[in-house]
N, C-alpha and C. Protein backbone atom coordinates (compact mmCIF):
# COMPACT_ATOMS: atom_id res chain seq x y z
N MET A 1 -12.88 12.85 -6.18
CA MET A 1 -12.18 11.58 -6.09
C MET A 1 -12.41 10.93 -4.73
N SER A 2 -12.29 11.74 -3.64
CA SER A 2 -12.45 11.20 -2.30
C SER A 2 -13.84 10.63 -2.09
N ASP A 3 -14.87 11.33 -2.61
CA ASP A 3 -16.25 10.88 -2.47
C ASP A 3 -16.45 9.54 -3.17
N LYS A 4 -15.84 9.39 -4.35
CA LYS A 4 -15.92 8.14 -5.11
C LYS A 4 -15.30 6.99 -4.33
N ILE A 5 -14.13 7.25 -3.72
CA ILE A 5 -13.44 6.22 -2.94
C ILE A 5 -14.26 5.84 -1.70
N ASP A 6 -14.83 6.86 -1.04
CA ASP A 6 -15.66 6.61 0.16
C ASP A 6 -16.84 5.72 -0.19
N LYS A 7 -17.48 5.99 -1.32
CA LYS A 7 -18.62 5.18 -1.76
C LYS A 7 -18.18 3.75 -2.06
N GLU A 8 -16.99 3.62 -2.65
CA GLU A 8 -16.46 2.30 -2.99
C GLU A 8 -16.22 1.48 -1.72
N ILE A 9 -15.59 2.12 -0.72
CA ILE A 9 -15.32 1.44 0.54
C ILE A 9 -16.62 1.03 1.23
N GLU A 10 -17.61 1.94 1.22
CA GLU A 10 -18.89 1.66 1.86
C GLU A 10 -19.60 0.49 1.17
N ALA A 11 -19.52 0.45 -0.17
CA ALA A 11 -20.14 -0.65 -0.92
C ALA A 11 -19.47 -1.98 -0.59
N ILE A 12 -18.14 -1.97 -0.50
CA ILE A 12 -17.41 -3.20 -0.16
C ILE A 12 -17.80 -3.69 1.22
N LYS A 13 -17.86 -2.77 2.18
CA LYS A 13 -18.24 -3.13 3.56
C LYS A 13 -19.64 -3.75 3.59
N THR A 14 -20.57 -3.13 2.86
CA THR A 14 -21.96 -3.61 2.84
C THR A 14 -22.04 -5.01 2.26
N ILE A 15 -21.36 -5.21 1.14
CA ILE A 15 -21.39 -6.52 0.48
C ILE A 15 -20.77 -7.59 1.37
N LEU A 16 -19.60 -7.28 1.95
CA LEU A 16 -18.92 -8.26 2.80
C LEU A 16 -19.74 -8.61 4.04
N THR A 17 -20.32 -7.58 4.67
CA THR A 17 -21.14 -7.82 5.87
C THR A 17 -22.33 -8.71 5.55
N THR A 18 -22.96 -8.45 4.40
CA THR A 18 -24.13 -9.23 4.01
C THR A 18 -23.75 -10.67 3.68
N LEU A 19 -22.67 -10.86 2.91
CA LEU A 19 -22.29 -12.19 2.47
C LEU A 19 -21.72 -13.07 3.59
N GLN A 20 -21.09 -12.45 4.59
CA GLN A 20 -20.46 -13.23 5.66
C GLN A 20 -21.47 -14.05 6.46
N SER A 21 -22.71 -13.58 6.51
CA SER A 21 -23.72 -14.29 7.31
C SER A 21 -24.38 -15.44 6.53
N LEU A 22 -24.01 -15.60 5.26
CA LEU A 22 -24.63 -16.63 4.41
C LEU A 22 -23.70 -17.83 4.24
N ASP A 23 -24.31 -18.98 3.93
CA ASP A 23 -23.46 -20.15 3.65
C ASP A 23 -22.97 -20.08 2.20
N ASP A 24 -22.03 -20.94 1.85
CA ASP A 24 -21.36 -20.86 0.55
C ASP A 24 -22.31 -20.94 -0.64
N GLU A 25 -23.28 -21.84 -0.58
CA GLU A 25 -24.20 -22.02 -1.70
C GLU A 25 -25.06 -20.78 -1.91
N VAL A 26 -25.53 -20.20 -0.80
CA VAL A 26 -26.36 -18.99 -0.90
C VAL A 26 -25.53 -17.82 -1.42
N ARG A 27 -24.28 -17.71 -0.94
CA ARG A 27 -23.39 -16.65 -1.43
C ARG A 27 -23.24 -16.73 -2.94
N LYS A 28 -23.02 -17.95 -3.43
CA LYS A 28 -22.84 -18.15 -4.87
C LYS A 28 -24.07 -17.71 -5.63
N ASN A 29 -25.25 -18.10 -5.13
CA ASN A 29 -26.50 -17.73 -5.80
C ASN A 29 -26.70 -16.21 -5.82
N VAL A 30 -26.39 -15.57 -4.69
CA VAL A 30 -26.54 -14.11 -4.61
C VAL A 30 -25.61 -13.42 -5.59
N LEU A 31 -24.34 -13.84 -5.58
CA LEU A 31 -23.36 -13.21 -6.49
C LEU A 31 -23.71 -13.44 -7.95
N ASP A 32 -24.13 -14.67 -8.28
CA ASP A 32 -24.53 -14.96 -9.67
C ASP A 32 -25.67 -14.05 -10.11
N TYR A 33 -26.65 -13.90 -9.22
CA TYR A 33 -27.82 -13.08 -9.56
C TYR A 33 -27.43 -11.61 -9.74
N VAL A 34 -26.63 -11.09 -8.80
CA VAL A 34 -26.23 -9.68 -8.86
C VAL A 34 -25.42 -9.40 -10.12
N LEU A 35 -24.48 -10.30 -10.43
CA LEU A 35 -23.65 -10.11 -11.63
C LEU A 35 -24.48 -10.12 -12.90
N LYS A 36 -25.51 -10.96 -12.93
CA LYS A 36 -26.40 -10.98 -14.10
C LYS A 36 -27.20 -9.69 -14.20
N ARG A 37 -27.66 -9.20 -13.04
CA ARG A 37 -28.46 -7.97 -13.04
C ARG A 37 -27.69 -6.76 -13.53
N ILE A 38 -26.38 -6.73 -13.25
CA ILE A 38 -25.59 -5.57 -13.68
C ILE A 38 -24.83 -5.86 -14.99
N ASN A 39 -25.20 -6.99 -15.62
CA ASN A 39 -24.60 -7.36 -16.91
C ASN A 39 -23.08 -7.44 -16.86
N PHE A 40 -22.56 -8.04 -15.77
CA PHE A 40 -21.12 -8.20 -15.62
C PHE A 40 -20.76 -9.66 -15.80
N ASN A 41 -19.87 -9.92 -16.75
CA ASN A 41 -19.45 -11.28 -17.03
C ASN A 41 -17.96 -11.44 -16.68
N PRO A 42 -17.65 -12.08 -15.54
CA PRO A 42 -16.25 -12.22 -15.13
C PRO A 42 -15.37 -12.90 -16.17
N SER A 43 -15.95 -13.80 -16.96
CA SER A 43 -15.14 -14.54 -17.93
C SER A 43 -14.57 -13.62 -19.00
N THR A 44 -15.29 -12.52 -19.30
CA THR A 44 -14.75 -11.60 -20.30
C THR A 44 -13.64 -10.75 -19.71
N VAL A 45 -13.70 -10.46 -18.40
CA VAL A 45 -12.67 -9.66 -17.76
C VAL A 45 -11.36 -10.43 -17.70
N PHE A 46 -11.45 -11.74 -17.40
CA PHE A 46 -10.25 -12.53 -17.22
C PHE A 46 -9.93 -13.42 -18.41
N ALA A 47 -10.56 -13.14 -19.56
CA ALA A 47 -10.30 -13.95 -20.75
C ALA A 47 -8.83 -13.88 -21.14
N ASN A 48 -8.30 -15.04 -21.53
CA ASN A 48 -6.91 -15.16 -21.97
C ASN A 48 -5.90 -14.78 -20.88
N GLN A 49 -6.33 -14.76 -19.62
CA GLN A 49 -5.42 -14.47 -18.51
C GLN A 49 -5.28 -15.73 -17.67
N GLN A 50 -4.36 -15.70 -16.69
CA GLN A 50 -4.19 -16.85 -15.82
C GLN A 50 -5.49 -17.12 -15.07
N GLN A 51 -5.79 -18.37 -14.80
CA GLN A 51 -7.03 -18.73 -14.13
C GLN A 51 -6.94 -18.37 -12.65
N LEU A 52 -8.02 -17.78 -12.13
CA LEU A 52 -8.07 -17.40 -10.73
C LEU A 52 -8.74 -18.50 -9.93
N ASN A 53 -8.14 -18.89 -8.82
CA ASN A 53 -8.73 -19.90 -7.96
C ASN A 53 -9.60 -19.24 -6.91
N PRO A 54 -10.83 -19.73 -6.70
CA PRO A 54 -11.71 -19.13 -5.71
C PRO A 54 -11.04 -19.11 -4.34
N GLY A 55 -11.17 -17.96 -3.67
CA GLY A 55 -10.63 -17.84 -2.32
C GLY A 55 -9.15 -17.50 -2.28
N GLU A 56 -8.48 -17.47 -3.43
CA GLU A 56 -7.05 -17.17 -3.43
C GLU A 56 -6.86 -15.67 -3.27
N ILE A 57 -5.87 -15.28 -2.46
CA ILE A 57 -5.60 -13.87 -2.23
C ILE A 57 -4.46 -13.44 -3.13
N PHE A 58 -4.64 -12.30 -3.80
CA PHE A 58 -3.64 -11.81 -4.74
C PHE A 58 -3.06 -10.49 -4.27
N THR A 59 -1.82 -10.25 -4.63
CA THR A 59 -1.21 -8.96 -4.34
C THR A 59 -1.77 -7.94 -5.34
N ALA A 60 -1.50 -6.66 -5.04
CA ALA A 60 -1.98 -5.60 -5.94
C ALA A 60 -1.43 -5.78 -7.34
N GLU A 61 -0.13 -6.12 -7.42
CA GLU A 61 0.48 -6.29 -8.74
C GLU A 61 -0.16 -7.45 -9.50
N GLN A 62 -0.49 -8.53 -8.80
CA GLN A 62 -1.11 -9.68 -9.45
C GLN A 62 -2.49 -9.32 -9.98
N LEU A 63 -3.23 -8.52 -9.25
CA LEU A 63 -4.55 -8.11 -9.72
C LEU A 63 -4.44 -7.31 -11.01
N ILE A 64 -3.41 -6.46 -11.08
CA ILE A 64 -3.18 -5.69 -12.30
C ILE A 64 -2.87 -6.65 -13.45
N ASN A 65 -1.98 -7.60 -13.20
CA ASN A 65 -1.52 -8.50 -14.25
C ASN A 65 -2.57 -9.50 -14.72
N THR A 66 -3.58 -9.79 -13.89
CA THR A 66 -4.60 -10.73 -14.31
C THR A 66 -5.69 -10.07 -15.13
N GLY A 67 -5.56 -8.77 -15.34
CA GLY A 67 -6.56 -8.09 -16.15
C GLY A 67 -7.73 -7.59 -15.34
N GLY A 68 -7.61 -7.62 -14.01
CA GLY A 68 -8.70 -7.16 -13.17
C GLY A 68 -8.94 -5.68 -13.26
N GLY A 69 -7.95 -4.93 -13.72
CA GLY A 69 -8.13 -3.50 -13.88
C GLY A 69 -7.78 -2.75 -12.61
N HIS A 70 -7.55 -1.42 -12.76
CA HIS A 70 -7.09 -0.65 -11.62
C HIS A 70 -8.15 -0.52 -10.54
N ASP A 71 -9.44 -0.72 -10.88
CA ASP A 71 -10.49 -0.59 -9.88
C ASP A 71 -10.36 -1.62 -8.77
N GLU A 72 -9.63 -2.69 -9.04
CA GLU A 72 -9.48 -3.74 -8.04
C GLU A 72 -8.30 -3.48 -7.11
N VAL A 73 -7.52 -2.43 -7.39
CA VAL A 73 -6.38 -2.12 -6.54
C VAL A 73 -6.68 -0.82 -5.80
N HIS A 74 -6.98 -0.94 -4.53
CA HIS A 74 -7.29 0.23 -3.71
C HIS A 74 -6.09 0.50 -2.82
N ILE A 75 -5.77 1.75 -2.58
CA ILE A 75 -4.57 2.06 -1.80
C ILE A 75 -4.66 1.51 -0.39
N LYS A 76 -5.88 1.40 0.16
CA LYS A 76 -6.01 0.85 1.51
C LYS A 76 -5.60 -0.63 1.52
N GLN A 77 -6.03 -1.36 0.51
CA GLN A 77 -5.65 -2.78 0.40
C GLN A 77 -4.15 -2.90 0.15
N PHE A 78 -3.62 -2.04 -0.69
CA PHE A 78 -2.20 -2.07 -1.01
C PHE A 78 -1.38 -1.77 0.24
N LYS A 79 -1.83 -0.78 1.03
CA LYS A 79 -1.15 -0.45 2.29
C LYS A 79 -1.14 -1.66 3.23
N GLU A 80 -2.29 -2.34 3.32
CA GLU A 80 -2.38 -3.49 4.22
C GLU A 80 -1.49 -4.65 3.75
N THR A 81 -1.34 -4.76 2.43
CA THR A 81 -0.47 -5.80 1.86
C THR A 81 1.01 -5.52 2.18
N LYS A 82 1.39 -4.25 2.05
CA LYS A 82 2.80 -3.87 2.21
C LYS A 82 3.19 -3.58 3.66
N GLY A 83 2.22 -3.16 4.49
CA GLY A 83 2.48 -2.94 5.91
C GLY A 83 3.52 -1.89 6.25
N PRO A 84 3.41 -0.65 5.74
CA PRO A 84 4.37 0.39 6.11
C PRO A 84 4.30 0.66 7.62
N LYS A 85 5.47 0.85 8.25
CA LYS A 85 5.53 1.02 9.71
C LYS A 85 5.69 2.47 10.14
N SER A 86 5.94 3.36 9.20
CA SER A 86 6.17 4.76 9.55
C SER A 86 5.59 5.67 8.47
N ALA A 87 5.49 6.95 8.81
CA ALA A 87 5.00 7.93 7.83
C ALA A 87 5.94 8.01 6.64
N ILE A 88 7.24 7.79 6.88
CA ILE A 88 8.22 7.82 5.78
C ILE A 88 7.95 6.67 4.80
N GLU A 89 7.76 5.47 5.32
CA GLU A 89 7.46 4.33 4.44
C GLU A 89 6.12 4.53 3.74
N MET A 90 5.16 5.12 4.45
CA MET A 90 3.85 5.36 3.84
C MET A 90 3.94 6.40 2.72
N ALA A 91 4.79 7.41 2.93
CA ALA A 91 4.97 8.43 1.88
C ALA A 91 5.54 7.79 0.62
N ALA A 92 6.52 6.90 0.80
CA ALA A 92 7.08 6.19 -0.36
C ALA A 92 6.02 5.32 -1.01
N LEU A 93 5.18 4.69 -0.20
CA LEU A 93 4.11 3.84 -0.74
C LEU A 93 3.12 4.67 -1.55
N VAL A 94 2.77 5.85 -1.05
CA VAL A 94 1.85 6.75 -1.77
C VAL A 94 2.45 7.12 -3.13
N ALA A 95 3.73 7.49 -3.12
CA ALA A 95 4.39 7.86 -4.38
C ALA A 95 4.39 6.71 -5.37
N TYR A 96 4.67 5.50 -4.88
CA TYR A 96 4.65 4.31 -5.74
C TYR A 96 3.25 4.07 -6.27
N PHE A 97 2.25 4.14 -5.38
CA PHE A 97 0.88 3.84 -5.76
C PHE A 97 0.37 4.79 -6.85
N ILE A 98 0.57 6.09 -6.64
CA ILE A 98 0.01 7.03 -7.62
C ILE A 98 0.80 7.05 -8.92
N GLN A 99 2.01 6.51 -8.89
CA GLN A 99 2.77 6.43 -10.14
C GLN A 99 2.44 5.17 -10.94
N TYR A 100 2.18 4.06 -10.23
CA TYR A 100 2.03 2.78 -10.94
C TYR A 100 0.66 2.10 -10.82
N LEU A 101 -0.08 2.36 -9.75
CA LEU A 101 -1.28 1.56 -9.50
C LEU A 101 -2.59 2.35 -9.46
N ALA A 102 -2.52 3.64 -9.33
CA ALA A 102 -3.74 4.46 -9.26
C ALA A 102 -4.47 4.42 -10.61
N PRO A 103 -5.77 4.75 -10.61
CA PRO A 103 -6.48 4.86 -11.89
C PRO A 103 -5.72 5.78 -12.84
N SER A 104 -5.74 5.46 -14.11
CA SER A 104 -4.93 6.18 -15.11
C SER A 104 -5.05 7.69 -15.01
N ALA A 105 -6.27 8.19 -14.81
CA ALA A 105 -6.49 9.64 -14.77
C ALA A 105 -5.84 10.30 -13.57
N GLU A 106 -5.52 9.52 -12.54
CA GLU A 106 -4.96 10.07 -11.31
C GLU A 106 -3.47 9.80 -11.16
N ARG A 107 -2.87 9.16 -12.15
CA ARG A 107 -1.45 8.81 -12.03
C ARG A 107 -0.56 10.03 -12.27
N LYS A 108 0.52 10.09 -11.52
CA LYS A 108 1.52 11.14 -11.69
C LYS A 108 2.83 10.64 -11.11
N ASP A 109 3.94 11.21 -11.55
CA ASP A 109 5.23 10.71 -11.09
C ASP A 109 5.87 11.59 -10.03
N LYS A 110 5.09 12.54 -9.48
CA LYS A 110 5.60 13.40 -8.42
C LYS A 110 4.56 13.48 -7.30
N VAL A 111 5.02 13.76 -6.08
CA VAL A 111 4.09 13.93 -4.96
C VAL A 111 4.40 15.22 -4.23
N ASN A 112 3.37 15.76 -3.58
CA ASN A 112 3.55 16.96 -2.77
C ASN A 112 2.75 16.81 -1.48
N VAL A 113 2.69 17.85 -0.68
CA VAL A 113 2.00 17.81 0.60
C VAL A 113 0.53 17.42 0.42
N SER A 114 -0.12 18.03 -0.56
CA SER A 114 -1.55 17.75 -0.79
C SER A 114 -1.79 16.28 -1.13
N ASP A 115 -0.90 15.70 -1.96
CA ASP A 115 -1.03 14.28 -2.33
C ASP A 115 -0.93 13.39 -1.09
N LEU A 116 0.07 13.64 -0.25
CA LEU A 116 0.24 12.81 0.94
C LEU A 116 -0.96 12.92 1.87
N GLU A 117 -1.43 14.14 2.10
CA GLU A 117 -2.58 14.32 3.00
C GLU A 117 -3.80 13.58 2.47
N THR A 118 -4.03 13.69 1.16
CA THR A 118 -5.20 13.03 0.55
C THR A 118 -5.11 11.51 0.64
N TRP A 119 -3.96 10.96 0.22
CA TRP A 119 -3.84 9.51 0.13
C TRP A 119 -3.62 8.85 1.49
N PHE A 120 -3.02 9.56 2.45
CA PHE A 120 -2.94 9.03 3.82
C PHE A 120 -4.36 8.81 4.35
N ARG A 121 -5.25 9.79 4.10
CA ARG A 121 -6.63 9.69 4.59
C ARG A 121 -7.37 8.55 3.89
N ILE A 122 -7.24 8.47 2.57
CA ILE A 122 -7.94 7.42 1.82
C ILE A 122 -7.46 6.04 2.25
N ALA A 123 -6.16 5.92 2.52
CA ALA A 123 -5.60 4.64 2.93
C ALA A 123 -5.84 4.35 4.40
N ASP A 124 -6.41 5.31 5.12
CA ASP A 124 -6.67 5.16 6.55
C ASP A 124 -5.37 4.94 7.33
N PHE A 125 -4.35 5.74 6.96
CA PHE A 125 -3.08 5.71 7.67
C PHE A 125 -3.01 6.94 8.55
N PRO A 126 -2.58 6.81 9.81
CA PRO A 126 -2.57 7.97 10.72
C PRO A 126 -1.75 9.14 10.17
N LEU A 127 -2.33 10.32 10.25
CA LEU A 127 -1.60 11.51 9.82
C LEU A 127 -0.54 11.83 10.86
N PRO A 128 0.64 12.28 10.43
CA PRO A 128 1.70 12.60 11.38
C PRO A 128 1.35 13.83 12.20
N GLY A 129 1.93 13.91 13.40
CA GLY A 129 1.67 15.08 14.26
C GLY A 129 2.31 16.34 13.73
N SER A 130 3.40 16.20 13.01
CA SER A 130 4.09 17.36 12.45
C SER A 130 3.57 17.69 11.05
N ASP A 131 4.04 18.80 10.53
CA ASP A 131 3.65 19.24 9.19
C ASP A 131 4.06 18.18 8.16
N MET A 132 3.19 17.94 7.17
CA MET A 132 3.46 16.94 6.14
C MET A 132 4.70 17.30 5.31
N LYS A 133 5.08 18.59 5.32
CA LYS A 133 6.31 18.99 4.61
C LYS A 133 7.52 18.24 5.17
N PHE A 134 7.51 18.05 6.50
CA PHE A 134 8.62 17.36 7.13
C PHE A 134 8.67 15.89 6.72
N VAL A 135 7.49 15.31 6.47
CA VAL A 135 7.45 13.91 6.02
C VAL A 135 8.12 13.79 4.66
N LEU A 136 7.83 14.74 3.77
CA LEU A 136 8.46 14.74 2.45
C LEU A 136 9.98 14.85 2.57
N VAL A 137 10.41 15.81 3.40
CA VAL A 137 11.86 16.04 3.58
C VAL A 137 12.52 14.83 4.23
N ASN A 138 11.85 14.27 5.26
CA ASN A 138 12.42 13.11 5.95
C ASN A 138 12.49 11.88 5.03
N THR A 139 11.49 11.75 4.14
CA THR A 139 11.51 10.63 3.19
C THR A 139 12.65 10.81 2.20
N LYS A 140 12.91 12.06 1.83
CA LYS A 140 14.07 12.35 0.96
C LYS A 140 15.36 12.04 1.71
N ASN A 141 15.45 12.48 2.97
CA ASN A 141 16.66 12.25 3.76
C ASN A 141 16.90 10.76 4.02
N ALA A 142 15.80 9.98 4.04
CA ALA A 142 15.94 8.53 4.21
C ALA A 142 16.42 7.86 2.93
N GLY A 143 16.44 8.63 1.83
CA GLY A 143 16.97 8.11 0.57
C GLY A 143 15.93 7.60 -0.40
N TYR A 144 14.62 7.82 -0.11
CA TYR A 144 13.57 7.27 -0.95
C TYR A 144 13.03 8.25 -1.99
N PHE A 145 13.20 9.56 -1.76
CA PHE A 145 12.70 10.59 -2.67
C PHE A 145 13.85 11.43 -3.22
N ASP A 146 13.62 12.00 -4.39
CA ASP A 146 14.47 13.06 -4.92
C ASP A 146 13.64 14.34 -4.95
N ASN A 147 14.25 15.46 -4.57
CA ASN A 147 13.56 16.75 -4.61
C ASN A 147 13.63 17.29 -6.03
N VAL A 148 12.44 17.50 -6.65
CA VAL A 148 12.43 18.00 -8.03
C VAL A 148 12.02 19.46 -8.10
N GLY A 149 11.88 20.11 -6.94
CA GLY A 149 11.59 21.53 -6.90
C GLY A 149 10.10 21.85 -6.87
N GLY A 150 9.79 23.05 -6.44
CA GLY A 150 8.41 23.51 -6.41
C GLY A 150 7.55 22.76 -5.38
N GLY A 151 8.18 22.19 -4.37
CA GLY A 151 7.44 21.43 -3.37
C GLY A 151 7.11 20.01 -3.80
N ASP A 152 7.64 19.62 -4.95
CA ASP A 152 7.39 18.27 -5.47
C ASP A 152 8.58 17.35 -5.22
N PHE A 153 8.27 16.09 -4.97
CA PHE A 153 9.29 15.07 -4.76
C PHE A 153 8.96 13.87 -5.63
N LYS A 154 10.00 13.14 -6.01
CA LYS A 154 9.81 11.99 -6.89
C LYS A 154 10.43 10.74 -6.27
N LEU A 155 9.71 9.63 -6.37
CA LEU A 155 10.22 8.35 -5.89
C LEU A 155 11.45 7.96 -6.71
N ASN A 156 12.54 7.65 -6.03
CA ASN A 156 13.74 7.22 -6.75
C ASN A 156 13.87 5.70 -6.72
N ALA A 157 14.98 5.19 -7.22
CA ALA A 157 15.16 3.73 -7.32
C ALA A 157 15.16 3.06 -5.94
N VAL A 158 15.73 3.74 -4.94
CA VAL A 158 15.76 3.16 -3.59
C VAL A 158 14.34 3.05 -3.04
N GLY A 159 13.55 4.11 -3.25
CA GLY A 159 12.15 4.10 -2.80
C GLY A 159 11.33 3.06 -3.54
N TYR A 160 11.58 2.95 -4.83
CA TYR A 160 10.88 1.94 -5.64
C TYR A 160 11.17 0.54 -5.11
N ASN A 161 12.44 0.27 -4.85
CA ASN A 161 12.82 -1.06 -4.35
C ASN A 161 12.24 -1.34 -2.96
N LEU A 162 12.15 -0.29 -2.14
CA LEU A 162 11.55 -0.46 -0.81
C LEU A 162 10.14 -1.00 -0.94
N ILE A 163 9.33 -0.36 -1.77
CA ILE A 163 7.92 -0.74 -1.89
C ILE A 163 7.76 -2.03 -2.69
N LYS A 164 8.45 -2.13 -3.79
CA LYS A 164 8.29 -3.28 -4.68
C LYS A 164 8.85 -4.57 -4.09
N HIS A 165 10.03 -4.48 -3.44
CA HIS A 165 10.74 -5.69 -3.04
C HIS A 165 10.94 -5.88 -1.53
N ASN A 166 10.98 -4.81 -0.75
CA ASN A 166 11.35 -4.93 0.66
C ASN A 166 10.19 -4.83 1.65
N LEU A 167 9.01 -4.50 1.19
CA LEU A 167 7.83 -4.49 2.06
C LEU A 167 6.89 -5.59 1.60
N PRO A 168 6.20 -6.27 2.51
CA PRO A 168 6.28 -6.05 3.96
C PRO A 168 7.59 -6.58 4.52
N ARG A 169 8.06 -5.95 5.60
CA ARG A 169 9.30 -6.39 6.24
C ARG A 169 9.05 -7.66 7.03
N LYS A 170 10.10 -8.47 7.17
CA LYS A 170 10.00 -9.66 8.01
C LYS A 170 9.95 -9.21 9.46
N ASP A 171 9.50 -10.10 10.35
CA ASP A 171 9.34 -9.74 11.76
C ASP A 171 10.62 -9.21 12.39
N ASN A 172 11.76 -9.74 11.96
CA ASN A 172 13.02 -9.31 12.57
C ASN A 172 13.61 -8.08 11.88
N GLN A 173 12.89 -7.57 10.88
CA GLN A 173 13.35 -6.37 10.19
C GLN A 173 12.31 -5.28 10.34
N THR A 174 12.71 -4.17 10.91
CA THR A 174 11.81 -3.02 10.97
C THR A 174 12.44 -1.94 10.12
N SER A 175 12.41 -0.71 10.59
CA SER A 175 12.99 0.36 9.79
C SER A 175 14.51 0.33 9.90
N THR A 176 15.15 1.02 8.97
CA THR A 176 16.61 1.08 8.98
C THR A 176 17.12 1.66 10.28
N GLY A 177 16.40 2.66 10.78
CA GLY A 177 16.80 3.31 12.02
C GLY A 177 16.80 2.34 13.17
N LYS A 178 15.78 1.50 13.27
CA LYS A 178 15.70 0.54 14.37
C LYS A 178 16.80 -0.50 14.27
N ARG A 179 17.08 -0.95 13.04
CA ARG A 179 18.15 -1.93 12.85
C ARG A 179 19.48 -1.32 13.29
N THR A 180 19.69 -0.05 12.95
CA THR A 180 20.92 0.64 13.32
C THR A 180 21.04 0.75 14.84
N LYS A 181 19.92 1.07 15.52
CA LYS A 181 19.93 1.19 16.98
C LYS A 181 20.25 -0.15 17.63
N LYS A 182 19.66 -1.22 17.10
CA LYS A 182 19.92 -2.55 17.66
C LYS A 182 21.41 -2.90 17.51
N ALA A 183 21.96 -2.61 16.33
CA ALA A 183 23.37 -2.90 16.09
C ALA A 183 24.24 -2.08 17.04
N ALA A 184 23.86 -0.84 17.28
CA ALA A 184 24.63 0.03 18.17
C ALA A 184 24.59 -0.49 19.60
N LYS A 185 23.40 -0.96 20.03
CA LYS A 185 23.28 -1.52 21.39
C LYS A 185 24.15 -2.75 21.56
N LYS A 186 24.15 -3.62 20.54
CA LYS A 186 24.98 -4.83 20.60
C LYS A 186 26.46 -4.46 20.70
N ALA A 187 26.87 -3.49 19.91
CA ALA A 187 28.27 -3.06 19.92
C ALA A 187 28.64 -2.48 21.27
N THR A 188 27.74 -1.71 21.88
CA THR A 188 27.98 -1.11 23.20
C THR A 188 28.14 -2.20 24.25
N LYS A 189 27.26 -3.23 24.19
CA LYS A 189 27.34 -4.34 25.15
C LYS A 189 28.66 -5.09 25.03
N LYS A 190 29.11 -5.32 23.80
CA LYS A 190 30.38 -6.02 23.58
C LYS A 190 31.54 -5.24 24.18
N VAL A 191 31.55 -3.92 23.96
CA VAL A 191 32.61 -3.07 24.49
C VAL A 191 32.58 -3.10 26.02
N ALA A 192 31.37 -3.06 26.59
CA ALA A 192 31.22 -3.07 28.05
C ALA A 192 31.76 -4.37 28.63
N LYS A 193 31.45 -5.50 28.00
CA LYS A 193 31.93 -6.80 28.47
C LYS A 193 33.46 -6.89 28.43
N LYS A 194 34.04 -6.39 27.35
CA LYS A 194 35.50 -6.41 27.21
C LYS A 194 36.15 -5.59 28.30
N SER A 195 35.59 -4.43 28.60
CA SER A 195 36.18 -3.54 29.60
C SER A 195 36.09 -4.13 30.99
N THR A 196 35.00 -4.87 31.30
CA THR A 196 34.85 -5.49 32.63
C THR A 196 35.80 -6.67 32.77
N LYS A 197 36.10 -7.36 31.70
CA LYS A 197 37.04 -8.49 31.74
C LYS A 197 38.44 -8.02 32.08
N LYS A 198 38.81 -6.86 31.57
CA LYS A 198 40.13 -6.30 31.85
C LYS A 198 40.22 -5.90 33.31
């Protein structure tokens, strides 16, 4: 699986690098020719689906819904769309991805240490300094996973909502821990001001 993904990423890089140096008309000619050579007809892929506008950027879910197929949703792109800020958020993202967006043969509703290590690497997300077991436990303690035994964890409703609805976070929202620390600092400052007034 990893070798297949590596080849896919390399092919994307090669195509993008080549096309970026060309003007729009030449790019169109190149793409038309290549698609004909490999007998790929985009109109059949997107038949009876919403019309795609050239240059429009779609989320992973939109690519699925337009009939583009799971091959168009790569975990690295999905990670960049959602912008996880910590290993805990990334673990929840991995669980969501392999349950709902991964190729059908690779989908599963549970994650373990091996899954996180594999998908963190494929997504090009930094591996944590500590054992990946702690990431699983910390993600559970954060409320995003349920422990189903045997070293397996399952994304729960809170984790689902985090990935589906709450990421990417707005600039003024980071992790729950950071929001809590900011609130604590504000409360401390207020108490300090009151005490100096007295």
